[in-house]
Amino acid sequence: MTGSDHRIASHVSRRTVLATMLGGVAAVGIAGVSPAFAADKTVRVGFSLAHTGWAAAYDVGYALGLRMAFDEANAKGGAGGKYKIEVTEGTDTASSSVEAIKSVDALLEKGVDVLFTSCDATSSVAAGRSGQKKGVLMFAGTSTQVDVPAKVGDWMYLANFSDNVSGGSTGVFAAKDLGIKTAYLLKSSDNTYTEYVPEYFAKTFEQYGGKVVGKGNFTFEQADFGGIIAEIKALPAEPDAIMTAAFEPDLPAFLRQARAAGIKSRIVGADGIDSPSFYALGDLVENTIVLSNRLPVEGSKYQDIAKVFGKSHPDQVDNSAWIVGYDAGLVLIEAIKNADATDSASIRTALDKIKDFDVPNGKVSYTGFERRPMVPISFLEIKSGKGVFMKAATIDTADIPAPIM
């Protein structure tokens, strides 16, 4: 799953999975009667998210996770036992910056205290500037792009890991844990996610003894990868791995052609392929390394909450967008509790102080990370159509690559 600005309509398979849900986002639902809340004890949250277009594949699951966290809190008396979380759905951003601005502006007119914007970084930046002017706390969906908070201003935060943390963590894992010595980078300059994640990987991979032996650039929806494959075949030795932040349909297309050409290099991927549709590609993706927000280990806190979520949304539970939303909801609830207030400024101040806060996958920290949180990351290996847990990602803060701006 990625929160990156994937400016294409390529996620047909994911959108098919979500087809029954795109008409609107339903709450998970908590049994029982909700407590009554005073008007001055309510935090008004606005959802400016995509229900249609490519971003819906991430935004719909993200919203469901948020709803679940808020419903659970409200059933227990609200954040801190007294502050209700009241959600207002904005209009469908339709994976469009123009529609995102309209959606956010309408929500701001209604007086929301917190905004959750789309995973589409371009839309979140464009719409977020309206929230910045109003001084409203905002979270940029599942977006991972490092520069989103800086482009908007000090009211915009990431809820997900940033690309330099994920790419850097993957480089350390590849060199130290997987024993990979050589890697080829498959990149695309069509957006910063597919361009920069491999570069962040290279920084730490080479720092820990690995060697990047080549780089190839593709364009979105490229049909023929012959030139890149010829370049890989011409190397003195086949690389141990091909590292890429490519996703569907481009990565499957590349893989089919590369395997047909006899290239056996292991694929080390990013979060954009942490999806049921990619896992379902069978032998083509077997042994691929995936970076994930999920911790699919029996007996873990994540598995416990995933079982609850999966009862209502079985088609979403393997799409990690929902757990990003659920964790973000828990973080907001904690910030409201600690602020002991409902206004955006007080909640933001409390958010900045969150450190080592427990969520189902591990701990979240905002303190010291410039509105780009340190959040739990896992490495999975695709085995027989499932993401099998390998290790929780760890990276020393001194090793996190400097942001490419």
Protein backbone atom coordinates (compact mmCIF):
# COMPACT_ATOMS: atom_id res chain seq x y z
CA MET A 1 0.00 0.00 0.00
CA THR A 2 1.28 3.28 -0.75
CA GLY A 3 0.07 6.68 -0.03
CA SER A 4 2.00 8.07 -2.86
CA ASP A 5 0.89 10.24 -5.71
CA HIS A 6 0.24 7.46 -8.22
CA ARG A 7 -1.18 9.66 -10.95
CA ILE A 8 -2.64 6.88 -13.05
CA ALA A 9 -5.82 4.87 -13.13
CA SER A 10 -4.03 1.54 -12.95
CA HIS A 11 -5.49 -0.11 -9.88
CA VAL A 12 -8.28 -1.86 -11.72
CA SER A 13 -7.95 -5.04 -9.68
CA ARG A 14 -8.08 -3.20 -6.37
CA ARG A 15 -11.01 -1.11 -7.47
CA THR A 16 -12.81 -4.28 -8.48
CA VAL A 17 -12.32 -5.62 -4.96
CA LEU A 18 -13.74 -2.38 -3.58
CA ALA A 19 -16.57 -2.01 -6.07
CA THR A 20 -19.34 -2.64 -3.60
CA MET A 21 -17.98 0.01 -1.26
CA LEU A 22 -17.32 3.01 -3.48
CA GLY A 23 -20.78 4.48 -3.20
CA GLY A 24 -19.97 5.58 0.33
CA VAL A 25 -17.97 4.61 3.35
CA ALA A 26 -19.82 2.66 6.02
CA ALA A 27 -18.86 2.51 9.65
CA VAL A 28 -17.68 -0.77 11.09
CA GLY A 29 -20.28 -0.48 13.81
CA ILE A 30 -20.07 -1.09 17.52
CA ALA A 31 -22.84 -2.87 19.39
CA GLY A 32 -24.74 -1.00 22.04
CA VAL A 33 -26.10 2.50 22.55
CA SER A 34 -23.69 5.40 22.14
CA PRO A 35 -23.37 7.73 25.11
CA ALA A 36 -24.71 11.27 24.96
CA PHE A 37 -22.17 14.09 24.52
CA ALA A 38 -22.37 17.82 25.12
CA ALA A 39 -21.82 19.98 22.03
CA ASP A 40 -18.70 21.54 23.56
CA LYS A 41 -17.21 18.07 24.06
CA THR A 42 -17.21 17.17 20.37
CA VAL A 43 -14.27 17.07 17.97
CA ARG A 44 -15.53 17.54 14.43
CA VAL A 45 -13.56 15.48 11.94
CA GLY A 46 -13.86 15.88 8.18
CA PHE A 47 -13.12 13.16 5.60
CA SER A 48 -12.01 14.59 2.25
CA LEU A 49 -11.31 11.30 0.49
CA ALA A 50 -11.70 9.55 -2.85
CA HIS A 51 -14.67 7.25 -3.37
CA THR A 52 -13.85 6.87 -7.08
CA GLY A 53 -10.70 6.89 -9.20
CA TRP A 54 -7.39 5.19 -8.43
CA ALA A 55 -7.06 6.73 -4.94
CA ALA A 56 -10.27 5.04 -3.78
CA ALA A 57 -8.32 1.78 -3.53
CA TYR A 58 -6.50 3.32 -0.58
CA ASP A 59 -8.88 6.01 0.73
CA VAL A 60 -11.88 3.71 1.20
CA GLY A 61 -9.98 1.25 3.41
CA TYR A 62 -8.28 4.12 5.23
CA ALA A 63 -11.66 5.67 6.06
CA LEU A 64 -13.00 2.35 7.32
CA GLY A 65 -10.06 2.00 9.69
CA LEU A 66 -10.57 5.53 10.98
CA ARG A 67 -14.27 4.89 11.48
CA MET A 68 -13.57 1.74 13.43
CA ALA A 69 -11.22 3.55 15.82
CA PHE A 70 -13.67 6.42 16.32
CA ASP A 71 -16.67 4.13 16.80
CA GLU A 72 -14.79 2.14 19.43
CA ALA A 73 -13.81 5.31 21.28
CA ASN A 74 -17.30 6.80 21.13
CA ALA A 75 -18.81 3.59 22.47
CA LYS A 76 -16.57 4.05 25.53
CA GLY A 77 -17.48 7.69 26.11
CA GLY A 78 -15.20 9.25 23.51
CA ALA A 79 -11.54 10.29 23.53
CA GLY A 80 -10.37 10.37 27.12
CA GLY A 81 -13.82 9.12 28.10
CA LYS A 82 -15.52 12.42 27.31
CA TYR A 83 -14.80 13.83 23.84
CA LYS A 84 -16.99 12.55 21.02
CA ILE A 85 -15.47 12.13 17.55
CA GLU A 86 -18.04 13.33 15.03
CA VAL A 87 -17.29 12.53 11.39
CA THR A 88 -18.55 14.57 8.45
CA GLU A 89 -18.10 13.04 5.00
CA GLY A 90 -16.91 15.49 2.38
CA THR A 91 -17.76 15.17 -1.28
CA ASP A 92 -15.92 12.59 -3.34
CA THR A 93 -12.50 13.94 -4.30
CA ALA A 94 -12.58 11.52 -7.26
CA SER A 95 -8.75 11.31 -7.18
CA SER A 96 -8.65 14.89 -8.50
CA SER A 97 -6.98 17.97 -7.06
CA VAL A 98 -9.81 20.18 -8.29
CA GLU A 99 -12.44 18.06 -6.56
CA ALA A 100 -10.27 17.75 -3.44
CA ILE A 101 -10.12 21.53 -3.06
CA LYS A 102 -13.92 21.75 -3.37
CA SER A 103 -14.36 18.99 -0.81
CA VAL A 104 -12.01 20.52 1.75
CA ASP A 105 -13.37 24.04 1.31
CA ALA A 106 -16.91 22.79 1.98
CA LEU A 107 -15.78 20.94 5.10
CA LEU A 108 -13.94 24.01 6.38
CA GLU A 109 -17.13 26.02 5.91
CA LYS A 110 -18.81 23.53 8.25
CA GLY A 111 -16.20 24.23 10.89
CA VAL A 112 -14.29 20.94 11.19
CA ASP A 113 -11.48 20.72 13.75
CA VAL A 114 -9.45 18.00 12.00
CA LEU A 115 -9.19 16.98 8.35
CA PHE A 116 -8.21 13.66 6.82
CA THR A 117 -7.24 14.20 3.20
CA SER A 118 -6.54 11.78 0.36
CA CYS A 119 -3.61 9.45 -0.18
CA ASP A 120 -3.16 11.33 -3.46
CA ALA A 121 -0.32 13.63 -2.46
CA THR A 122 -1.06 16.16 -5.19
CA SER A 123 -4.66 16.45 -4.03
CA SER A 124 -3.67 16.64 -0.37
CA VAL A 125 -1.18 19.42 -1.05
CA ALA A 126 -3.61 21.42 -3.18
CA ALA A 127 -6.53 21.06 -0.76
CA GLY A 128 -4.32 21.25 2.31
CA ARG A 129 -3.38 24.83 1.57
CA SER A 130 -6.96 25.81 2.38
CA GLY A 131 -6.70 24.03 5.73
CA GLN A 132 -3.34 25.67 6.35
CA LYS A 133 -4.86 29.13 5.97
CA LYS A 134 -7.59 28.23 8.47
CA GLY A 135 -5.21 26.64 10.99
CA VAL A 136 -6.82 23.18 10.89
CA LEU A 137 -4.93 20.02 11.79
CA MET A 138 -4.65 17.70 8.75
CA PHE A 139 -3.43 14.18 8.00
CA ALA A 140 -2.50 13.26 4.42
CA GLY A 141 -4.22 9.89 4.08
CA THR A 142 -1.86 6.99 3.49
CA SER A 143 0.55 9.27 1.63
CA THR A 144 4.22 8.51 2.22
CA GLN A 145 5.86 11.32 0.29
CA VAL A 146 8.40 13.18 2.36
CA ASP A 147 7.65 16.65 1.07
CA VAL A 148 3.87 16.76 1.64
CA PRO A 149 4.02 18.46 5.08
CA ALA A 150 6.60 21.00 3.89
CA LYS A 151 4.62 21.85 0.76
CA VAL A 152 1.49 22.59 2.78
CA GLY A 153 2.77 24.02 6.06
CA ASP A 154 2.85 23.32 9.77
CA TRP A 155 -0.76 22.09 10.00
CA MET A 156 -0.22 19.12 7.66
CA TYR A 157 1.06 15.76 8.96
CA LEU A 158 1.69 12.35 7.50
CA ALA A 159 -0.12 9.46 9.16
CA ASN A 160 2.02 6.88 7.38
CA PHE A 161 5.76 6.24 7.26
CA SER A 162 7.69 8.54 4.94
CA ASP A 163 9.54 7.26 1.88
CA ASN A 164 12.99 7.95 3.28
CA VAL A 165 12.17 5.85 6.36
CA SER A 166 10.67 2.99 4.33
CA GLY A 167 13.33 3.03 1.62
CA GLY A 168 16.15 3.41 4.13
CA SER A 169 14.78 0.60 6.28
CA THR A 170 14.55 -1.66 3.23
CA GLY A 171 18.18 -0.98 2.34
CA VAL A 172 19.33 -1.97 5.81
CA PHE A 173 17.16 -5.10 5.76
CA ALA A 174 18.38 -6.17 2.31
CA ALA A 175 22.04 -5.83 3.19
CA LYS A 176 22.05 -7.05 6.79
CA ASP A 177 19.22 -9.58 6.97
CA LEU A 178 18.79 -10.89 3.44
CA GLY A 179 22.52 -10.86 2.65
CA ILE A 180 21.95 -9.20 -0.71
CA LYS A 181 25.23 -7.96 -2.17
CA THR A 182 24.20 -6.42 -5.49
CA ALA A 183 21.02 -4.66 -6.54
CA TYR A 184 19.60 -3.07 -9.67
CA LEU A 185 17.17 -0.16 -9.20
CA LEU A 186 14.00 -0.10 -11.29
CA LYS A 187 12.65 3.46 -11.08
CA SER A 188 10.12 5.76 -12.71
CA SER A 189 10.38 9.53 -12.75
CA ASP A 190 6.62 9.73 -13.36
CA ASN A 191 6.25 10.48 -9.64
CA THR A 192 8.48 10.99 -6.64
CA TYR A 193 7.43 7.73 -4.96
CA THR A 194 8.64 5.46 -7.75
CA GLU A 195 11.66 7.69 -8.33
CA TYR A 196 12.91 8.36 -4.80
CA VAL A 197 12.14 5.20 -2.77
CA PRO A 198 14.82 3.22 -4.67
CA GLU A 199 17.29 6.09 -4.12
CA TYR A 200 16.62 6.05 -0.37
CA PHE A 201 17.14 2.28 -0.48
CA ALA A 202 20.49 2.77 -2.22
CA LYS A 203 21.75 5.13 0.48
CA THR A 204 21.53 2.61 3.31
CA PHE A 205 22.10 -0.48 1.16
CA GLU A 206 25.51 0.81 0.12
CA GLN A 207 26.20 2.14 3.60
CA TYR A 208 25.89 -1.44 4.88
CA GLY A 209 28.04 -3.02 2.21
CA GLY A 210 25.73 -3.53 -0.75
CA LYS A 211 26.45 -2.31 -4.27
CA VAL A 212 24.01 -0.79 -6.77
CA VAL A 213 25.04 -2.14 -10.17
CA GLY A 214 22.62 -0.25 -12.38
CA LYS A 215 19.46 1.82 -12.68
CA GLY A 216 16.64 1.66 -15.18
CA ASN A 217 13.82 4.13 -15.72
CA PHE A 218 10.35 3.14 -16.91
CA THR A 219 7.19 5.09 -17.60
CA PHE A 220 3.79 4.27 -16.14
CA GLU A 221 1.83 1.72 -18.17
CA GLN A 222 4.91 0.91 -20.21
CA ALA A 223 4.21 -2.16 -22.32
CA ASP A 224 7.72 -3.13 -23.34
CA PHE A 225 10.55 -3.43 -20.81
CA GLY A 226 12.95 -4.88 -23.37
CA GLY A 227 15.53 -2.10 -23.05
CA ILE A 228 15.78 -2.39 -19.29
CA ILE A 229 15.89 -6.18 -19.44
CA ALA A 230 18.69 -6.04 -22.03
CA GLU A 231 20.63 -3.73 -19.73
CA ILE A 232 20.25 -6.14 -16.80
CA LYS A 233 21.27 -9.08 -19.01
CA ALA A 234 24.36 -7.18 -20.13
CA LEU A 235 25.68 -6.75 -16.58
CA PRO A 236 28.82 -8.77 -15.74
CA ALA A 237 26.73 -10.79 -13.30
CA GLU A 238 23.02 -10.96 -12.64
CA PRO A 239 22.17 -8.80 -9.60
CA ASP A 240 21.08 -10.55 -6.43
CA ALA A 241 18.01 -8.35 -6.34
CA ILE A 242 15.99 -5.80 -8.25
CA MET A 243 14.70 -3.12 -5.93
CA THR A 244 11.69 -1.12 -7.05
CA ALA A 245 8.72 0.91 -5.86
CA ALA A 246 6.79 -0.08 -9.00
CA PHE A 247 3.28 -1.44 -8.52
CA GLU A 248 0.41 -2.76 -10.63
CA PRO A 249 0.19 -3.02 -13.59
CA ASP A 250 3.80 -2.09 -14.27
CA LEU A 251 5.62 -4.45 -11.92
CA PRO A 252 3.70 -7.58 -13.05
CA ALA A 253 4.37 -6.62 -16.68
CA PHE A 254 8.08 -6.19 -15.99
CA LEU A 255 8.25 -9.43 -14.04
CA ARG A 256 6.61 -11.47 -16.80
CA GLN A 257 9.12 -10.19 -19.34
CA ALA A 258 12.11 -10.47 -17.01
CA ARG A 259 11.33 -14.06 -16.00
CA ALA A 260 10.72 -14.99 -19.65
CA ALA A 261 14.18 -13.61 -20.40
CA GLY A 262 15.70 -15.83 -17.72
CA ILE A 263 16.35 -13.16 -15.09
CA LYS A 264 16.05 -14.76 -11.67
CA SER A 265 16.96 -11.80 -9.43
CA ARG A 266 14.86 -11.53 -6.29
CA ILE A 267 12.37 -8.67 -6.24
CA VAL A 268 12.58 -6.33 -3.26
CA GLY A 269 9.50 -4.14 -3.42
CA ALA A 270 7.88 -1.29 -1.52
CA ASP A 271 4.50 -0.83 0.16
CA GLY A 272 2.63 -0.25 -3.10
CA ILE A 273 2.44 -4.01 -3.73
CA ASP A 274 1.07 -4.92 -0.31
CA SER A 275 -2.26 -5.81 -1.84
CA PRO A 276 -4.39 -8.94 -2.34
CA SER A 277 -4.39 -8.43 -6.11
CA PHE A 278 -0.60 -8.52 -6.26
CA TYR A 279 -0.33 -11.55 -3.97
CA ALA A 280 -2.80 -13.35 -6.21
CA LEU A 281 -0.33 -13.37 -9.13
CA GLY A 282 0.96 -16.78 -8.04
CA ASP A 283 4.39 -18.05 -8.99
CA LEU A 284 5.23 -14.78 -10.72
CA VAL A 285 5.53 -13.00 -7.36
CA GLU A 286 6.64 -15.91 -5.16
CA ASN A 287 9.43 -14.90 -2.72
CA THR A 288 8.98 -11.18 -3.43
CA ILE A 289 9.83 -8.99 -0.45
CA VAL A 290 7.10 -6.52 0.51
CA LEU A 291 7.22 -3.66 2.98
CA SER A 292 3.99 -3.39 4.95
CA ASN A 293 2.04 -1.64 7.70
CA ARG A 294 0.61 -5.02 8.71
CA LEU A 295 1.94 -7.51 11.26
CA PRO A 296 0.28 -10.78 10.18
CA VAL A 297 1.51 -12.88 13.09
CA GLU A 298 -0.94 -15.11 14.93
CA GLY A 299 -1.47 -13.89 18.48
CA SER A 300 -0.32 -10.33 17.76
CA LYS A 301 -2.44 -7.32 18.65
CA TYR A 302 -2.68 -6.60 14.94
CA GLN A 303 -4.17 -10.02 14.23
CA ASP A 304 -6.70 -9.57 17.00
CA ILE A 305 -7.99 -6.28 15.62
CA ALA A 306 -7.76 -7.56 12.03
CA LYS A 307 -10.13 -10.40 12.91
CA VAL A 308 -12.69 -7.89 14.18
CA PHE A 309 -12.28 -5.67 11.13
CA GLY A 310 -12.33 -8.63 8.75
CA LYS A 311 -15.74 -9.78 9.93
CA SER A 312 -17.29 -6.65 8.45
CA HIS A 313 -14.85 -6.11 5.60
CA PRO A 314 -13.26 -9.39 4.52
CA ASP A 315 -12.21 -7.95 1.17
CA GLN A 316 -10.34 -5.10 2.85
CA VAL A 317 -8.47 -6.81 5.65
CA ASP A 318 -5.43 -7.62 3.47
CA ASN A 319 -5.30 -4.08 2.11
CA SER A 320 -3.05 -2.33 4.61
CA ALA A 321 -4.74 1.07 4.08
CA TRP A 322 -7.30 0.21 6.76
CA ILE A 323 -4.70 -0.33 9.50
CA VAL A 324 -3.00 2.97 8.61
CA GLY A 325 -6.40 4.59 9.18
CA TYR A 326 -7.08 2.67 12.38
CA ASP A 327 -3.68 3.60 13.82
CA ALA A 328 -4.13 7.23 12.77
CA GLY A 329 -7.50 7.25 14.52
CA LEU A 330 -5.93 5.92 17.72
CA VAL A 331 -3.21 8.56 17.54
CA LEU A 332 -5.78 11.35 17.13
CA ILE A 333 -7.83 9.98 20.03
CA GLU A 334 -4.71 9.97 22.21
CA ALA A 335 -3.85 13.54 21.20
CA ILE A 336 -7.40 14.73 22.03
CA LYS A 337 -7.24 12.97 25.39
CA ASN A 338 -3.85 14.51 26.21
CA ALA A 339 -4.93 17.96 25.00
CA ASP A 340 -8.10 17.74 27.11
CA ALA A 341 -9.61 20.09 24.53
CA THR A 342 -11.42 20.05 21.20
CA ASP A 343 -9.75 22.89 19.30
CA SER A 344 -7.31 22.14 16.49
CA ALA A 345 -4.38 24.07 17.98
CA SER A 346 -4.48 22.25 21.31
CA ILE A 347 -4.79 18.86 19.60
CA ARG A 348 -1.84 19.65 17.32
CA THR A 349 0.32 20.64 20.29
CA ALA A 350 -0.50 17.33 21.98
CA LEU A 351 0.17 15.41 18.75
CA ASP A 352 3.66 16.86 18.52
CA LYS A 353 4.42 15.38 21.95
CA ILE A 354 3.36 11.81 21.14
CA LYS A 355 6.25 9.40 21.60
CA ASP A 356 6.27 5.60 21.65
CA PHE A 357 2.47 5.41 21.62
CA ASP A 358 1.22 1.83 21.34
CA VAL A 359 -0.83 0.81 18.31
CA PRO A 360 -1.58 -2.76 17.18
CA ASN A 361 1.65 -3.05 15.18
CA GLY A 362 4.02 -1.40 17.66
CA LYS A 363 4.78 2.19 18.60
CA VAL A 364 4.22 5.56 16.94
CA SER A 365 6.26 8.70 17.59
CA TYR A 366 5.79 12.22 16.26
CA THR A 367 8.26 13.94 18.58
CA GLY A 368 11.39 14.88 16.66
CA PHE A 369 10.25 13.75 13.20
CA GLU A 370 9.00 17.01 11.63
CA ARG A 371 5.37 15.94 11.13
CA ARG A 372 6.49 12.71 9.44
CA PRO A 373 5.99 10.04 12.10
CA MET A 374 8.04 7.02 12.97
CA VAL A 375 5.47 4.25 12.64
CA PRO A 376 5.70 0.44 12.69
CA ILE A 377 6.89 -1.26 9.49
CA SER A 378 7.09 -4.97 8.70
CA PHE A 379 8.84 -6.98 6.02
CA LEU A 380 6.81 -9.76 4.46
CA GLU A 381 7.71 -12.44 1.96
CA ILE A 382 5.08 -13.63 -0.48
CA LYS A 383 4.56 -17.34 -0.02
CA SER A 384 1.74 -19.18 -1.80
CA GLY A 385 -0.33 -16.04 -2.17
CA LYS A 386 0.14 -14.73 1.37
CA GLY A 387 2.38 -12.16 2.98
CA VAL A 388 4.44 -14.10 5.53
CA PHE A 389 5.99 -12.00 8.28
CA MET A 390 9.79 -11.89 8.29
CA LYS A 391 10.82 -9.05 10.58
CA ALA A 392 9.71 -5.73 12.05
CA ALA A 393 11.70 -3.00 10.35
CA THR A 394 14.12 -1.05 12.45
CA ILE A 395 16.36 1.80 11.39
CA ASP A 396 18.58 3.95 13.54
CA THR A 397 17.47 7.55 13.28
CA ALA A 398 21.02 8.48 12.26
CA ASP A 399 20.68 6.18 9.24
CA ILE A 400 17.44 7.67 7.88
CA PRO A 401 18.37 9.20 4.49
CA ALA A 402 18.01 12.96 4.18
CA PRO A 403 14.78 13.91 2.40
CA ILE A 404 15.00 14.58 -1.33
CA MET A 405 13.08 17.79 -1.82
